[in-house]
PDB file of N, CA and C in Angstrom:
ATOM      1  N   MET A   1     -76.344  71.972 236.004  1.00  0.00           N
ATOM      2  CA  MET A   1     -76.854  73.359 235.113  1.00  0.00           C
ATOM      3  C   MET A   1     -75.396  74.552 235.095  1.00  0.00           C
ATOM      4  N   THR A   2     -75.845  74.676 233.985  1.00  0.00           N
ATOM      5  CA  THR A   2     -74.755  76.192 233.936  1.00  0.00           C
ATOM      6  C   THR A   2     -75.500  77.181 233.476  1.00  0.00           C
ATOM      7  N   ILE A   3     -75.585  78.241 234.212  1.00  0.00           N
ATOM      8  CA  ILE A   3     -76.258  79.639 233.997  1.00  0.00           C
ATOM      9  C   ILE A   3     -75.073  80.413 233.188  1.00  0.00           C
ATOM     10  N   GLN A   4     -75.266  81.139 232.221  1.00  0.00           N
ATOM     11  CA  GLN A   4     -74.575  82.308 231.591  1.00  0.00           C
ATOM     12  C   GLN A   4     -74.925  83.624 231.718  1.00  0.00           C
ATOM     13  N   ILE A   5     -74.533  84.369 232.326  1.00  0.00           N
ATOM     14  CA  ILE A   5     -75.187  86.143 231.745  1.00  0.00           C
ATOM     15  C   ILE A   5     -74.337  86.345 230.760  1.00  0.00           C
ATOM     16  N   LEU A   6     -75.000  87.316 229.589  1.00  0.00           N
ATOM     17  CA  LEU A   6     -74.188  87.431 228.750  1.00  0.00           C
ATOM     18  C   LEU A   6     -74.873  88.925 228.730  1.00  0.00           C
ATOM     19  N   GLY A   7     -73.214  89.613 228.443  1.00  0.00           N
ATOM     20  CA  GLY A   7     -73.151  91.389 228.404  1.00  0.00           C
ATOM     21  C   GLY A   7     -71.443  91.713 228.911  1.00  0.00           C
ATOM     22  N   PRO A   8     -71.177  92.937 228.446  1.00  0.00           N
ATOM     23  CA  PRO A   8     -70.233  93.427 228.880  1.00  0.00           C
ATOM     24  C   PRO A   8     -69.654  93.496 230.046  1.00  0.00           C
ATOM     25  N   GLY A   9     -70.509  93.195 231.105  1.00  0.00           N
ATOM     26  CA  GLY A   9     -70.060  93.521 232.238  1.00  0.00           C
ATOM     27  C   GLY A   9     -70.388  94.702 233.052  1.00  0.00           C
ATOM     28  N   CYS A  10     -71.143  95.395 232.370  1.00  0.00           N
ATOM     29  CA  CYS A  10     -72.142  96.505 232.981  1.00  0.00           C
ATOM     30  C   CYS A  10     -72.757  96.519 234.484  1.00  0.00           C
ATOM     31  N   SER A  11     -73.377  97.236 235.011  1.00  0.00           N
ATOM     32  CA  SER A  11     -74.091  97.468 236.071  1.00  0.00           C
ATOM     33  C   SER A  11     -75.378  96.173 235.715  1.00  0.00           C
ATOM     34  N   ASN A  12     -75.882  96.450 235.022  1.00  0.00           N
ATOM     35  CA  ASN A  12     -77.040  95.599 234.570  1.00  0.00           C
ATOM     36  C   ASN A  12     -76.456  93.812 234.723  1.00  0.00           C
ATOM     37  N   CYS A  13     -75.609  93.571 234.057  1.00  0.00           N
ATOM     38  CA  CYS A  13     -74.866  92.504 234.237  1.00  0.00           C
ATOM     39  C   CYS A  13     -74.750  91.571 235.592  1.00  0.00           C
ATOM     40  N   HIS A  14     -74.320  92.918 235.948  1.00  0.00           N
ATOM     41  CA  HIS A  14     -73.933  92.565 237.870  1.00  0.00           C
ATOM     42  C   HIS A  14     -75.165  91.796 238.628  1.00  0.00           C
ATOM     43  N   ASN A  15     -75.968  93.072 238.305  1.00  0.00           N
ATOM     44  CA  ASN A  15     -77.171  92.865 238.731  1.00  0.00           C
ATOM     45  C   ASN A  15     -78.111  91.914 238.399  1.00  0.00           C
ATOM     46  N   LEU A  16     -78.253  91.566 237.268  1.00  0.00           N
ATOM     47  CA  LEU A  16     -78.640  90.017 236.756  1.00  0.00           C
ATOM     48  C   LEU A  16     -77.817  88.464 237.342  1.00  0.00           C
ATOM     49  N   GLU A  17     -76.721  88.775 237.434  1.00  0.00           N
ATOM     50  CA  GLU A  17     -75.814  87.936 238.107  1.00  0.00           C
ATOM     51  C   GLU A  17     -76.300  87.941 239.724  1.00  0.00           C
ATOM     52  N   LYS A  18     -76.209  88.931 240.332  1.00  0.00           N
ATOM     53  CA  LYS A  18     -76.621  88.556 241.607  1.00  0.00           C
ATOM     54  C   LYS A  18     -77.826  88.151 241.879  1.00  0.00           C
ATOM     55  N   ASN A  19     -79.088  88.721 240.932  1.00  0.00           N
ATOM     56  CA  ASN A  19     -80.185  87.997 241.262  1.00  0.00           C
ATOM     57  C   ASN A  19     -80.414  86.444 240.946  1.00  0.00           C
ATOM     58  N   ALA A  20     -79.769  86.039 240.063  1.00  0.00           N
ATOM     59  CA  ALA A  20     -79.808  84.415 239.275  1.00  0.00           C
ATOM     60  C   ALA A  20     -79.225  83.870 240.633  1.00  0.00           C
ATOM     61  N   ARG A  21     -78.047  84.093 241.475  1.00  0.00           N
ATOM     62  CA  ARG A  21     -77.153  83.453 241.952  1.00  0.00           C
ATOM     63  C   ARG A  21     -78.384  83.475 243.509  1.00  0.00           C
ATOM     64  N   GLU A  22     -79.309  84.281 243.649  1.00  0.00           N
ATOM     65  CA  GLU A  22     -79.845  84.194 244.803  1.00  0.00           C
ATOM     66  C   GLU A  22     -81.035  83.650 244.386  1.00  0.00           C
ATOM     67  N   ALA A  23     -81.798  83.165 243.318  1.00  0.00           N
ATOM     68  CA  ALA A  23     -82.258  82.267 242.905  1.00  0.00           C
ATOM     69  C   ALA A  23     -82.230  80.974 242.970  1.00  0.00           C
ATOM     70  N   VAL A  24     -80.976  80.846 242.720  1.00  0.00           N
ATOM     71  CA  VAL A  24     -80.656  79.448 242.985  1.00  0.00           C
ATOM     72  C   VAL A  24     -80.311  78.775 244.025  1.00  0.00           C
ATOM     73  N   GLN A  25     -79.701  79.944 244.918  1.00  0.00           N
ATOM     74  CA  GLN A  25     -79.688  79.637 246.468  1.00  0.00           C
ATOM     75  C   GLN A  25     -81.238  79.361 246.893  1.00  0.00           C
ATOM     76  N   ARG A  26     -81.953  80.230 246.495  1.00  0.00           N
ATOM     77  CA  ARG A  26     -83.266  80.091 246.843  1.00  0.00           C
ATOM     78  C   ARG A  26     -83.984  78.727 246.469  1.00  0.00           C
ATOM     79  N   LEU A  27     -83.522  78.243 245.478  1.00  0.00           N
ATOM     80  CA  LEU A  27     -84.436  76.861 244.941  1.00  0.00           C
ATOM     81  C   LEU A  27     -83.539  75.872 245.379  1.00  0.00           C
ATOM     82  N   GLY A  28     -82.232  75.800 246.236  1.00  0.00           N
ATOM     83  CA  GLY A  28     -81.370  75.227 246.333  1.00  0.00           C
ATOM     84  C   GLY A  28     -81.019  73.682 245.547  1.00  0.00           C
ATOM     85  N   ILE A  29     -80.567  74.703 244.245  1.00  0.00           N
ATOM     86  CA  ILE A  29     -80.321  73.957 243.493  1.00  0.00           C
ATOM     87  C   ILE A  29     -78.728  74.079 242.965  1.00  0.00           C
ATOM     88  N   GLU A  30     -78.270  73.383 242.317  1.00  0.00           N
ATOM     89  CA  GLU A  30     -76.307  73.612 241.890  1.00  0.00           C
ATOM     90  C   GLU A  30     -76.430  74.077 240.592  1.00  0.00           C
ATOM     91  N   ALA A  31     -75.586  75.083 240.205  1.00  0.00           N
ATOM     92  CA  ALA A  31     -75.384  75.913 239.197  1.00  0.00           C
ATOM     93  C   ALA A  31     -74.256  76.536 239.106  1.00  0.00           C
ATOM     94  N   ASP A  32     -73.401  75.956 237.969  1.00  0.00           N
ATOM     95  CA  ASP A  32     -72.437  76.847 237.648  1.00  0.00           C
ATOM     96  C   ASP A  32     -72.441  77.844 236.843  1.00  0.00           C
ATOM     97  N   PHE A  33     -71.869  79.060 237.188  1.00  0.00           N
ATOM     98  CA  PHE A  33     -71.847  80.535 236.533  1.00  0.00           C
ATOM     99  C   PHE A  33     -70.738  80.884 235.594  1.00  0.00           C
ATOM    100  N   GLN A  34     -71.179  81.151 234.396  1.00  0.00           N
ATOM    101  CA  GLN A  34     -70.337  81.951 233.618  1.00  0.00           C
ATOM    102  C   GLN A  34     -70.250  83.252 233.068  1.00  0.00           C
ATOM    103  N   LYS A  35     -69.817  83.828 232.623  1.00  0.00           N
ATOM    104  CA  LYS A  35     -70.048  85.183 232.108  1.00  0.00           C
ATOM    105  C   LYS A  35     -69.477  85.133 230.788  1.00  0.00           C
ATOM    106  N   VAL A  36     -70.256  85.541 229.633  1.00  0.00           N
ATOM    107  CA  VAL A  36     -69.762  85.590 228.312  1.00  0.00           C
ATOM    108  C   VAL A  36     -69.965  87.236 227.840  1.00  0.00           C
ATOM    109  N   THR A  37     -69.078  87.880 227.929  1.00  0.00           N
ATOM    110  CA  THR A  37     -68.652  89.104 227.489  1.00  0.00           C
ATOM    111  C   THR A  37     -68.358  89.458 226.067  1.00  0.00           C
ATOM    112  N   ASP A  38     -68.005  88.291 225.271  1.00  0.00           N
ATOM    113  CA  ASP A  38     -67.469  88.585 223.788  1.00  0.00           C
ATOM    114  C   ASP A  38     -68.723  88.885 222.981  1.00  0.00           C
ATOM    115  N   SER A  39     -68.662  90.176 222.490  1.00  0.00           N
ATOM    116  CA  SER A  39     -69.883  90.199 221.760  1.00  0.00           C
ATOM    117  C   SER A  39     -70.555  89.501 220.761  1.00  0.00           C
ATOM    118  N   ASP A  40     -69.094  89.159 219.926  1.00  0.00           N
ATOM    119  CA  ASP A  40     -69.890  88.132 218.711  1.00  0.00           C
ATOM    120  C   ASP A  40     -69.972  86.890 219.394  1.00  0.00           C
ATOM    121  N   GLN A  41     -70.234  86.396 220.153  1.00  0.00           N
ATOM    122  CA  GLN A  41     -70.692  85.150 220.942  1.00  0.00           C
ATOM    123  C   GLN A  41     -72.182  85.597 221.572  1.00  0.00           C
ATOM    124  N   ILE A  42     -71.866  86.683 221.848  1.00  0.00           N
ATOM    125  CA  ILE A  42     -73.280  87.143 222.427  1.00  0.00           C
ATOM    126  C   ILE A  42     -74.108  87.267 221.389  1.00  0.00           C
ATOM    127  N   VAL A  43     -73.947  87.863 220.124  1.00  0.00           N
ATOM    128  CA  VAL A  43     -74.619  87.645 218.855  1.00  0.00           C
ATOM    129  C   VAL A  43     -75.147  86.773 218.525  1.00  0.00           C
ATOM    130  N   GLU A  44     -74.015  85.302 218.074  1.00  0.00           N
ATOM    131  CA  GLU A  44     -73.822  84.528 217.558  1.00  0.00           C
ATOM    132  C   GLU A  44     -75.406  83.446 218.763  1.00  0.00           C
ATOM    133  N   MET A  45     -75.782  83.837 219.926  1.00  0.00           N
ATOM    134  CA  MET A  45     -76.550  83.058 220.624  1.00  0.00           C
ATOM    135  C   MET A  45     -77.961  83.806 220.367  1.00  0.00           C
ATOM    136  N   GLY A  46     -78.047  85.042 219.700  1.00  0.00           N
ATOM    137  CA  GLY A  46     -79.611  85.509 219.356  1.00  0.00           C
ATOM    138  C   GLY A  46     -79.505  86.709 219.992  1.00  0.00           C
ATOM    139  N   VAL A  47     -78.438  87.144 220.943  1.00  0.00           N
ATOM    140  CA  VAL A  47     -78.673  88.176 222.072  1.00  0.00           C
ATOM    141  C   VAL A  47     -78.535  89.334 221.315  1.00  0.00           C
ATOM    142  N   MET A  48     -79.661  90.604 221.203  1.00  0.00           N
ATOM    143  CA  MET A  48     -79.303  91.397 220.328  1.00  0.00           C
ATOM    144  C   MET A  48     -79.291  92.824 221.417  1.00  0.00           C
ATOM    145  N   ARG A  49     -79.541  92.653 223.030  1.00  0.00           N
ATOM    146  CA  ARG A  49     -79.868  93.757 223.914  1.00  0.00           C
ATOM    147  C   ARG A  49     -79.310  92.624 225.147  1.00  0.00           C
ATOM    148  N   THR A  50     -78.359  93.564 225.823  1.00  0.00           N
ATOM    149  CA  THR A  50     -77.860  92.725 227.121  1.00  0.00           C
ATOM    150  C   THR A  50     -79.018  93.640 228.185  1.00  0.00           C
ATOM    151  N   PRO A  51     -78.774  93.034 229.480  1.00  0.00           N
ATOM    152  CA  PRO A  51     -77.816  91.588 229.872  1.00  0.00           C
ATOM    153  C   PRO A  51     -78.824  90.301 229.294  1.00  0.00           C
ATOM    154  N   GLY A  52     -78.269  89.070 229.222  1.00  0.00           N
ATOM    155  CA  GLY A  52     -78.889  87.878 228.654  1.00  0.00           C
ATOM    156  C   GLY A  52     -78.640  87.049 229.543  1.00  0.00           C
ATOM    157  N   LEU A  53     -79.663  86.037 229.766  1.00  0.00           N
ATOM    158  CA  LEU A  53     -79.462  84.985 230.564  1.00  0.00           C
ATOM    159  C   LEU A  53     -79.582  83.734 229.928  1.00  0.00           C
ATOM    160  N   ALA A  54     -79.158  82.507 230.009  1.00  0.00           N
ATOM    161  CA  ALA A  54     -79.076  81.489 229.476  1.00  0.00           C
ATOM    162  C   ALA A  54     -78.670  80.207 230.226  1.00  0.00           C
ATOM    163  N   ILE A  55     -79.771  79.192 230.266  1.00  0.00           N
ATOM    164  CA  ILE A  55     -79.575  78.054 230.742  1.00  0.00           C
ATOM    165  C   ILE A  55     -78.725  77.338 229.665  1.00  0.00           C
ATOM    166  N   ASP A  56     -77.859  76.358 230.525  1.00  0.00           N
ATOM    167  CA  ASP A  56     -77.205  75.366 229.510  1.00  0.00           C
ATOM    168  C   ASP A  56     -77.040  75.974 228.139  1.00  0.00           C
ATOM    169  N   GLY A  57     -76.641  76.661 227.643  1.00  0.00           N
ATOM    170  CA  GLY A  57     -76.523  77.363 226.646  1.00  0.00           C
ATOM    171  C   GLY A  57     -77.640  77.860 225.535  1.00  0.00           C
ATOM    172  N   LYS A  58     -78.894  77.692 226.406  1.00  0.00           N
ATOM    173  CA  LYS A  58     -80.133  78.299 225.419  1.00  0.00           C
ATOM    174  C   LYS A  58     -80.692  79.616 226.484  1.00  0.00           C
ATOM    175  N   VAL A  59     -80.633  80.520 225.522  1.00  0.00           N
ATOM    176  CA  VAL A  59     -81.170  81.682 226.036  1.00  0.00           C
ATOM    177  C   VAL A  59     -82.456  81.756 226.186  1.00  0.00           C
ATOM    178  N   GLN A  60     -82.554  82.185 227.398  1.00  0.00           N
ATOM    179  CA  GLN A  60     -84.095  82.496 228.028  1.00  0.00           C
ATOM    180  C   GLN A  60     -84.707  83.448 228.186  1.00  0.00           C
ATOM    181  N   LYS A  61     -83.973  84.794 228.293  1.00  0.00           N
ATOM    182  CA  LYS A  61     -84.421  86.045 228.496  1.00  0.00           C
ATOM    183  C   LYS A  61     -83.141  87.058 228.046  1.00  0.00           C
ATOM    184  N   PHE A  62     -83.561  88.362 227.612  1.00  0.00           N
ATOM    185  CA  PHE A  62     -82.327  89.271 227.475  1.00  0.00           C
ATOM    186  C   PHE A  62     -83.090  90.559 227.501  1.00  0.00           C
ATOM    187  N   GLY A  63     -82.318  91.701 227.147  1.00  0.00           N
ATOM    188  CA  GLY A  63     -83.005  92.818 227.274  1.00  0.00           C
ATOM    189  C   GLY A  63     -83.404  93.921 228.963  1.00  0.00           C
ATOM    190  N   LYS A  64     -83.180  92.784 229.680  1.00  0.00           N
ATOM    191  CA  LYS A  64     -83.577  93.763 231.090  1.00  0.00           C
ATOM    192  C   LYS A  64     -83.109  92.789 232.074  1.00  0.00           C
ATOM    193  N   VAL A  65     -83.021  93.447 233.302  1.00  0.00           N
ATOM    194  CA  VAL A  65     -82.404  92.495 234.497  1.00  0.00           C
ATOM    195  C   VAL A  65     -83.780  92.308 234.827  1.00  0.00           C
ATOM    196  N   LEU A  66     -83.634  90.980 235.010  1.00  0.00           N
ATOM    197  CA  LEU A  66     -84.831  89.819 235.659  1.00  0.00           C
ATOM    198  C   LEU A  66     -84.704  90.052 237.443  1.00  0.00           C
ATOM    199  N   SER A  67     -85.942  90.066 237.553  1.00  0.00           N
ATOM    200  CA  SER A  67     -85.946  89.665 239.250  1.00  0.00           C
ATOM    201  C   SER A  67     -85.596  88.310 240.044  1.00  0.00           C
ATOM    202  N   THR A  68     -85.183  88.174 240.933  1.00  0.00           N
ATOM    203  CA  THR A  68     -84.906  87.342 241.442  1.00  0.00           C
ATOM    204  C   THR A  68     -86.174  85.868 241.374  1.00  0.00           C
ATOM    205  N   ASP A  69     -87.324  86.563 241.418  1.00  0.00           N
ATOM    206  CA  ASP A  69     -88.482  85.919 241.227  1.00  0.00           C
ATOM    207  C   ASP A  69     -88.726  85.438 240.022  1.00  0.00           C
ATOM    208  N   GLU A  70     -88.336  86.036 238.699  1.00  0.00           N
ATOM    209  CA  GLU A  70     -88.477  85.871 237.597  1.00  0.00           C
ATOM    210  C   GLU A  70     -87.354  84.678 237.034  1.00  0.00           C
ATOM    211  N   ILE A  71     -86.453  84.888 237.380  1.00  0.00           N
ATOM    212  CA  ILE A  71     -85.061  83.959 237.333  1.00  0.00           C
ATOM    213  C   ILE A  71     -85.568  82.494 238.199  1.00  0.00           C
ATOM    214  N   ALA A  72     -86.171  82.519 239.223  1.00  0.00           N
ATOM    215  CA  ALA A  72     -86.330  81.494 239.977  1.00  0.00           C
ATOM    216  C   ALA A  72     -87.792  80.868 238.922  1.00  0.00           C
ATOM    217  N   GLU A  73     -88.754  81.166 238.271  1.00  0.00           N
ATOM    218  CA  GLU A  73     -89.673  80.835 237.521  1.00  0.00           C
ATOM    219  C   GLU A  73     -88.887  80.288 235.998  1.00  0.00           C
ATOM    220  N   VAL A  74     -87.864  80.547 235.954  1.00  0.00           N
ATOM    221  CA  VAL A  74     -87.204  80.099 234.506  1.00  0.00           C
ATOM    222  C   VAL A  74     -86.604  78.879 235.245  1.00  0.00           C
ATOM    223  N   LEU A  75     -86.171  78.734 236.030  1.00  0.00           N
ATOM    224  CA  LEU A  75     -84.996  78.043 236.273  1.00  0.00           C
ATOM    225  C   LEU A  75     -85.972  76.602 236.871  1.00  0.00           C
ATOM    226  N   GLN A  76     -87.219  77.212 237.698  1.00  0.00           N
ATOM    227  CA  GLN A  76     -88.142  75.926 237.729  1.00  0.00           C
ATOM    228  C   GLN A  76     -88.600  74.779 236.657  1.00  0.00           C
ATOM    229  N   SER A  77     -89.051  75.909 235.559  1.00  0.00           N
ATOM    230  CA  SER A  77     -89.736  75.412 234.188  1.00  0.00           C
ATOM    231  C   SER A  77     -88.581  74.344 233.586  1.00  0.00           C
ATOM    232  N   GLN A  78     -86.890  74.546 233.936  1.00  0.00           N
ATOM    233  CA  GLN A  78     -86.353  74.048 233.127  1.00  0.00           C
ATOM    234  C   GLN A  78     -85.813  72.732 234.221  1.00  0.00           C
ATOM    235  N   GLN A  79     -86.195  72.796 235.363  1.00  0.00           N
ATOM    236  CA  GLN A  79     -86.066  71.458 236.068  1.00  0.00           C
ATOM    237  C   GLN A  79     -87.326  70.224 236.192  1.00  0.00           C
ATOM    238  N   GLY A  80     -88.428  70.705 235.197  1.00  0.00           N
ATOM    239  CA  GLY A  80     -89.597  69.842 235.400  1.00  0.00           C
ATOM    240  C   GLY A  80     -89.963  69.504 234.271  1.00  0.00           C
TER     241      GLY A  80
END
């Protein structure tokens, strides 16, 4: 599983990544993390407001910092 954090690298992006890493650890799953900071690529993925969270190249949520619990729910829905 590849988790992408979409955004320019602002504090919200860092917080989203921190929460995503915590969710992955809590669930005991393996994931590679990528930061996507190129604005053209972010827009091509359909994200109009950052930060965004994508799993395996598919945007799940954007426009707010998801909590660890919210990210865990998204990750669990992707696994089953």
